[in-house]
Protein backbone atom coordinates (compact mmCIF):
# COMPACT_ATOMS: atom_id res chain seq x y z
CA MET A 1 97.99 61.03 135.95
CA THR A 2 99.18 63.29 133.34
CA PRO A 3 102.00 65.65 134.39
CA THR A 4 100.55 68.77 136.21
CA VAL A 5 101.37 72.10 135.02
CA GLU A 6 99.78 74.01 138.21
CA GLY A 7 101.75 76.02 140.28
CA THR A 8 105.15 77.72 139.91
CA HIS A 9 107.17 74.91 140.27
CA PRO A 10 107.09 71.51 138.61
CA SER A 11 106.98 68.41 141.11
CA ALA A 12 109.97 66.42 141.80
CA PRO A 13 109.28 63.83 138.80
CA VAL A 14 108.85 66.57 136.53
CA ALA A 15 111.81 68.63 137.47
CA ALA A 16 113.78 65.81 137.32
CA ALA A 17 112.65 65.30 133.55
CA TYR A 18 113.40 68.78 132.72
CA SER A 19 117.03 68.57 134.32
CA TYR A 20 117.79 65.67 132.16
CA CYS A 21 116.64 67.37 128.93
CA GLU A 22 118.70 70.32 129.87
CA ALA A 23 121.78 68.22 130.46
CA VAL A 24 121.35 66.51 126.84
CA THR A 25 120.91 70.47 125.63
CA GLY A 26 123.93 71.58 127.25
CA SER A 27 125.95 68.84 126.20
CA GLN A 28 124.72 68.25 122.36
CA ALA A 29 123.48 71.78 121.13
CA ARG A 30 126.28 73.59 120.06
CA ASN A 31 124.40 76.79 119.29
CA PHE A 32 120.82 76.11 120.54
CA ALA A 33 122.05 76.42 124.18
CA TYR A 34 123.64 79.66 123.67
CA GLY A 35 120.07 81.41 122.94
CA ILE A 36 117.87 79.64 125.20
CA ARG A 37 120.40 80.20 128.23
CA LEU A 38 118.84 83.88 127.75
CA LEU A 39 115.21 82.42 128.69
CA PRO A 40 113.55 82.47 131.89
CA ALA A 41 113.24 79.16 133.73
CA ASP A 42 109.95 77.35 132.49
CA LYS A 43 110.53 78.48 128.85
CA ARG A 44 114.16 77.26 129.03
CA GLN A 45 113.05 74.04 130.03
CA ALA A 46 110.31 73.88 127.88
CA MET A 47 112.77 74.26 124.92
CA SER A 48 115.05 71.83 126.32
CA ALA A 49 112.35 69.32 126.16
CA LEU A 50 111.67 69.90 122.50
CA TYR A 51 115.40 70.04 121.71
CA ALA A 52 115.84 66.71 123.56
CA PHE A 53 112.66 65.24 121.56
CA SER A 54 114.05 66.44 118.42
CA ARG A 55 117.42 65.24 118.91
CA ARG A 56 116.02 61.88 119.53
CA VAL A 57 114.57 62.13 116.06
CA ASP A 58 117.67 63.60 114.28
CA ASP A 59 119.78 60.50 115.83
CA ILE A 60 117.50 57.83 114.75
CA GLY A 61 118.08 59.45 110.96
CA ASP A 62 121.87 59.75 111.84
CA GLY A 63 122.54 56.90 113.46
CA THR A 64 123.92 53.28 111.91
CA LEU A 65 120.96 50.79 112.00
CA PRO A 66 119.66 49.83 108.74
CA ALA A 67 116.91 51.88 106.91
CA GLU A 68 114.29 49.56 107.92
CA ALA A 69 114.86 49.67 111.64
CA LYS A 70 115.37 53.45 111.27
CA LEU A 71 111.80 53.63 109.88
CA ALA A 72 110.50 51.47 112.91
CA ARG A 73 111.89 53.44 115.12
CA LEU A 74 110.76 56.68 113.98
CA GLU A 75 107.32 55.32 113.66
CA ASP A 76 107.63 54.29 117.26
CA THR A 77 108.52 57.88 118.38
CA ARG A 78 105.61 59.32 116.08
CA ALA A 79 103.46 56.83 118.40
CA LEU A 80 105.31 58.75 121.77
CA LEU A 81 104.26 61.89 120.34
CA GLY A 82 100.87 60.80 119.92
CA ARG A 83 100.68 59.56 123.50
CA ILE A 84 102.13 62.87 124.46
CA ARG A 85 99.58 64.75 122.80
CA ASP A 86 96.53 62.64 124.31
CA GLY A 87 97.58 63.26 127.41
CA LEU A 88 98.74 59.85 128.21
CA VAL A 89 102.29 60.24 129.70
CA GLU A 90 102.19 60.23 133.37
CA GLU A 91 104.55 61.44 136.05
CA ASP A 92 106.18 58.23 136.53
CA ASP A 93 106.69 57.28 133.16
CA THR A 94 110.36 56.01 132.14
CA ASP A 95 111.08 58.25 129.35
CA PRO A 96 112.01 61.69 131.03
CA VAL A 97 111.90 63.42 127.70
CA ALA A 98 108.62 62.37 127.24
CA VAL A 99 107.74 63.19 130.59
CA ALA A 100 108.70 66.64 129.76
CA LEU A 101 107.78 67.63 126.91
CA ALA A 102 104.02 66.53 127.88
CA HIS A 103 104.56 69.02 130.73
CA ALA A 104 106.06 71.73 128.67
CA ALA A 105 102.82 71.10 126.35
CA GLY A 106 100.72 71.73 129.24
CA ARG A 107 102.23 74.93 130.24
CA PHE A 108 102.74 76.61 126.72
CA PRO A 109 100.28 76.09 123.41
CA ILE A 110 103.18 74.41 121.58
CA PRO A 111 102.08 72.83 118.43
CA LEU A 112 103.10 69.60 118.73
CA GLY A 113 102.26 68.78 114.75
CA GLY A 114 105.27 70.33 113.92
CA LEU A 115 107.08 67.29 115.58
CA ASP A 116 105.26 65.03 113.03
CA GLU A 117 107.03 67.34 110.64
CA LEU A 118 110.44 66.88 111.83
CA ILE A 119 109.84 63.00 111.67
CA ASP A 120 108.72 63.37 108.13
CA GLY A 121 111.65 65.65 107.26
CA VAL A 122 114.24 63.00 108.92
CA LEU A 123 112.05 60.10 106.90
CA MET A 124 113.22 61.95 103.76
CA ASP A 125 116.54 61.68 105.03
CA VAL A 126 116.49 57.53 105.45
CA ARG A 127 114.46 57.41 102.26
CA GLY A 128 117.63 59.07 100.58
CA THR A 129 115.42 61.77 98.87
CA HIS A 130 117.28 64.27 96.71
CA TYR A 131 115.95 67.52 95.83
CA GLU A 132 115.75 69.29 92.27
CA THR A 133 114.56 72.30 92.80
CA TRP A 134 114.91 75.37 95.64
CA ASP A 135 111.16 74.54 95.85
CA GLU A 136 111.39 71.07 96.73
CA LEU A 137 114.35 71.52 99.01
CA LYS A 138 111.90 74.15 101.01
CA VAL A 139 109.66 71.39 101.57
CA TYR A 140 112.47 68.96 103.30
CA CYS A 141 113.82 72.64 105.37
CA ARG A 142 110.39 73.64 106.48
CA CYS A 143 109.93 69.96 108.10
CA VAL A 144 113.28 69.86 110.12
CA ALA A 145 113.78 73.68 110.86
CA GLY A 146 110.86 75.74 109.97
CA ALA A 147 108.63 73.36 112.35
CA ILE A 148 111.10 74.20 114.81
CA GLY A 149 110.62 77.70 114.62
CA ARG A 150 107.04 77.39 114.83
CA LEU A 151 107.31 75.13 117.63
CA SER A 152 109.35 77.28 119.23
CA LEU A 153 107.05 80.13 118.68
CA GLY A 154 104.86 78.28 120.93
CA VAL A 155 106.88 78.68 123.95
CA PHE A 156 108.08 82.25 123.23
CA GLY A 157 104.53 83.69 122.36
CA THR A 158 103.93 87.25 120.96
CA ALA A 159 104.30 90.36 123.06
CA PRO A 160 101.21 92.15 123.94
CA GLY A 161 100.11 94.72 121.28
CA ALA A 162 102.72 93.10 118.95
CA ARG A 163 101.87 94.23 115.40
CA ASP A 164 101.33 92.08 112.51
CA ALA A 165 101.16 89.24 115.25
CA ALA A 166 99.16 86.84 112.80
CA ARG A 167 102.29 86.41 110.35
CA ALA A 168 104.79 85.52 113.58
CA SER A 169 104.44 81.82 112.45
CA GLU A 170 105.34 82.67 108.73
CA TYR A 171 108.24 84.87 109.94
CA ALA A 172 109.22 81.72 112.74
CA ASP A 173 109.12 79.55 110.07
CA THR A 174 111.49 81.40 107.35
CA LEU A 175 113.89 82.14 109.76
CA GLY A 176 114.38 78.20 110.66
CA LEU A 177 115.10 77.70 106.57
CA ALA A 178 117.61 80.51 106.76
CA LEU A 179 119.45 78.58 109.50
CA GLN A 180 118.89 75.42 108.05
CA LEU A 181 120.21 76.72 104.69
CA THR A 182 123.17 77.93 106.53
CA ASN A 183 123.28 74.32 108.22
CA ILE A 184 123.22 72.75 104.43
CA LEU A 185 126.47 74.82 103.33
CA ARG A 186 128.30 74.35 106.23
CA ASP A 187 127.90 70.67 106.20
CA VAL A 188 128.37 70.17 102.31
CA ARG A 189 131.61 68.20 102.90
CA GLU A 190 130.09 66.02 105.79
CA ASP A 191 126.73 65.05 104.07
CA ALA A 192 128.53 63.84 101.20
CA GLY A 193 130.77 61.62 102.97
CA ASN A 194 127.39 60.28 104.47
CA GLY A 195 125.89 60.09 100.79
CA ARG A 196 123.80 62.73 101.20
CA THR A 197 123.27 65.92 99.09
CA TYR A 198 120.53 68.64 99.61
CA LEU A 199 121.51 71.51 97.67
CA PRO A 200 119.20 71.47 94.42
CA ALA A 201 120.41 69.67 91.30
CA GLU A 202 119.39 72.58 89.72
CA ASP A 203 121.82 74.83 91.31
CA LEU A 204 124.54 72.28 91.33
CA ASP A 205 124.34 71.88 87.32
CA LYS A 206 124.35 75.59 86.65
CA PHE A 207 127.46 75.89 88.56
CA GLY A 208 129.00 72.48 87.57
CA CYS A 209 128.96 70.88 90.72
CA ALA A 210 127.11 68.21 89.72
CA GLU A 211 129.51 65.73 90.29
CA GLY A 212 129.02 66.13 94.02
CA PHE A 213 131.97 66.58 96.80
CA ASP A 214 132.77 62.95 97.95
CA SER A 215 136.35 63.66 97.68
CA GLY A 216 136.13 66.24 100.09
CA ARG A 217 137.21 68.96 96.67
CA ALA A 218 134.95 70.67 94.30
CA PRO A 219 134.90 68.89 91.04
CA ALA A 220 137.22 70.22 88.43
CA GLY A 221 136.35 73.47 86.32
CA SER A 222 133.49 74.15 88.62
CA ASP A 223 132.67 77.48 89.71
CA PHE A 224 132.36 76.23 93.82
CA PRO A 225 132.26 79.88 95.09
CA GLY A 226 129.60 80.83 92.44
CA LEU A 227 127.61 78.31 94.03
CA VAL A 228 128.28 79.37 97.61
CA HIS A 229 127.75 82.73 97.01
CA HIS A 230 124.60 81.91 95.37
CA GLU A 231 123.24 80.14 98.22
CA VAL A 232 124.38 82.87 100.80
CA ARG A 233 122.13 85.07 98.77
CA ARG A 234 119.36 83.02 99.43
CA ALA A 235 119.94 82.66 102.87
CA ARG A 236 120.12 86.27 103.42
CA ALA A 237 117.01 87.30 102.03
CA LEU A 238 115.46 84.17 104.51
CA PHE A 239 117.32 86.20 107.43
CA THR A 240 115.71 89.48 106.31
CA GLU A 241 112.39 88.07 106.25
CA GLY A 242 112.81 85.97 109.11
CA TYR A 243 114.00 88.75 111.35
CA ARG A 244 110.74 90.28 111.32
CA LEU A 245 109.65 87.79 114.11
CA LEU A 246 111.90 90.18 116.53
CA PRO A 247 109.98 92.97 117.45
CA MET A 248 106.70 90.78 118.06
CA LEU A 249 108.47 88.83 120.85
CA ASP A 250 109.04 90.10 124.44
CA ARG A 251 112.84 91.46 125.33
CA ARG A 252 113.75 87.72 126.46
CA SER A 253 112.38 85.97 124.17
CA GLY A 254 113.72 88.04 121.30
CA ALA A 255 116.98 87.93 122.71
CA CYS A 256 117.20 84.17 122.52
CA VAL A 257 116.00 84.09 118.66
CA ALA A 258 118.48 86.79 118.16
CA ALA A 259 121.46 84.93 119.59
CA MET A 260 120.58 81.85 117.72
CA ALA A 261 120.29 83.24 114.29
CA GLY A 262 122.95 85.84 115.38
CA ILE A 263 125.10 82.67 115.73
CA TYR A 264 124.26 81.21 112.28
CA ARG A 265 124.16 84.55 110.16
CA ARG A 266 128.08 84.88 111.61
CA LEU A 267 128.53 81.34 109.89
CA LEU A 268 127.02 82.57 106.83
CA ASP A 269 129.57 85.64 106.74
CA ARG A 270 132.64 83.20 107.35
CA ILE A 271 131.28 80.88 104.72
CA GLU A 272 130.75 83.74 102.44
CA ARG A 273 134.21 85.45 102.85
CA GLU A 274 135.96 81.50 102.49
CA PRO A 275 133.85 79.61 100.34
CA TYR A 276 136.44 76.58 100.31
CA ALA A 277 136.71 76.09 103.86
CA VAL A 278 133.27 74.27 104.01
CA LEU A 279 135.25 71.58 101.91
CA ARG A 280 137.97 71.56 104.63
CA GLY A 281 135.74 71.10 107.79
CA ARG A 282 133.39 72.06 109.50
CA VAL A 283 133.40 76.23 110.06
CA SER A 284 132.54 77.04 113.59
CA LEU A 285 132.42 80.22 116.02
CA PRO A 286 134.79 80.05 118.53
CA VAL A 287 133.09 80.42 122.36
CA ARG A 288 133.89 83.94 123.08
CA GLU A 289 132.37 84.87 119.88
CA LYS A 290 129.05 82.94 120.75
CA ALA A 291 129.28 84.41 123.92
CA TYR A 292 129.48 87.82 122.34
CA VAL A 293 126.82 87.27 120.04
CA ALA A 294 124.13 86.10 122.80
CA VAL A 295 125.13 89.43 124.84
CA ARG A 296 124.40 91.38 121.64
CA GLY A 297 120.95 89.19 121.41
CA LEU A 298 120.27 90.48 125.03
CA SER A 299 120.77 94.23 124.33
CA GLY A 300 119.19 94.00 120.43
CA LEU A 301 122.05 95.00 119.04
CA ASP A 302 122.38 92.31 116.73
CA ALA A 303 119.04 92.14 115.79
CA ARG A 304 118.91 95.98 114.73
CA THR A 305 122.54 95.48 113.21
CA VAL A 306 121.46 92.70 110.85
CA SER A 307 118.22 94.55 110.13
CA ARG A 308 120.23 97.31 108.12
CA GLN A 309 122.66 95.31 106.76
CA SER A 310 119.64 93.07 105.25
CA ALA A 311 117.61 96.25 104.28
CA ARG A 312 120.66 97.39 102.12
CA ARG A 313 120.65 93.79 100.31
CA ARG A 314 118.10 93.25 97.81
CA PRO A 315 116.90 89.52 98.25
CA LEU A 316 117.48 86.74 95.66
């Protein structure tokens, strides 16, 4: 039989599957875990299942297998997603991620097609897709991050009586884009070392950075700070739009989103202040600052601060 969703507590096999996914999330999610700690148990479990499945997809794309093997494994993962969607995963299945995600999808109206989009985005990575314009890069960002925002909204739901709730999915998608563009800026050096360039070619050309960053340095004569500040303004505009989601969520779901987004916004602040830092290594926040952001998210302070700051900035 398929994993039961009835009753307050999952069955023992499903609970064990969720525990596995929470362990994966706690050990591998640097920023994500801080947000989902603020959720009630059922939503936290569902978000951990989503993360564990997404992590599996990402790990295939980032792994060392030949491209052909990666493509085959991604299609196998898509087939597993089809089994989950069709209710064919049983409680005694040997794959705990599949068991947990199947149960979560029965508990909440999770749009599992978003995980198909994630697989599509990782396929772009495996195939070495480059992006000439921001509009092209947005397609990729929507697959690998906007889709995660929409999947998460399926777990969070919207608060009763929320105004403009019909646009919640749009705002969740946009907030995902903001987080992903921040990731791209943070990981410029690491991605270059792996032979990947995500920033739009037209932006690289505009600021004299078309040679890329394989050496861990900006090209001679380039305006690298100008490039970074250009992308930061774009990310801030996305945050401005995406933060409209927060008033539509219940308090704890809003706190979760505010905490995750707040961590990335502070990363963006650091990158803006010191653009060359991203060429020296991965920019990150100390643990205590992440915890502080989570507390502010729970109180609603960080979201209100961002909304006021964003209103004073003109979108790109």
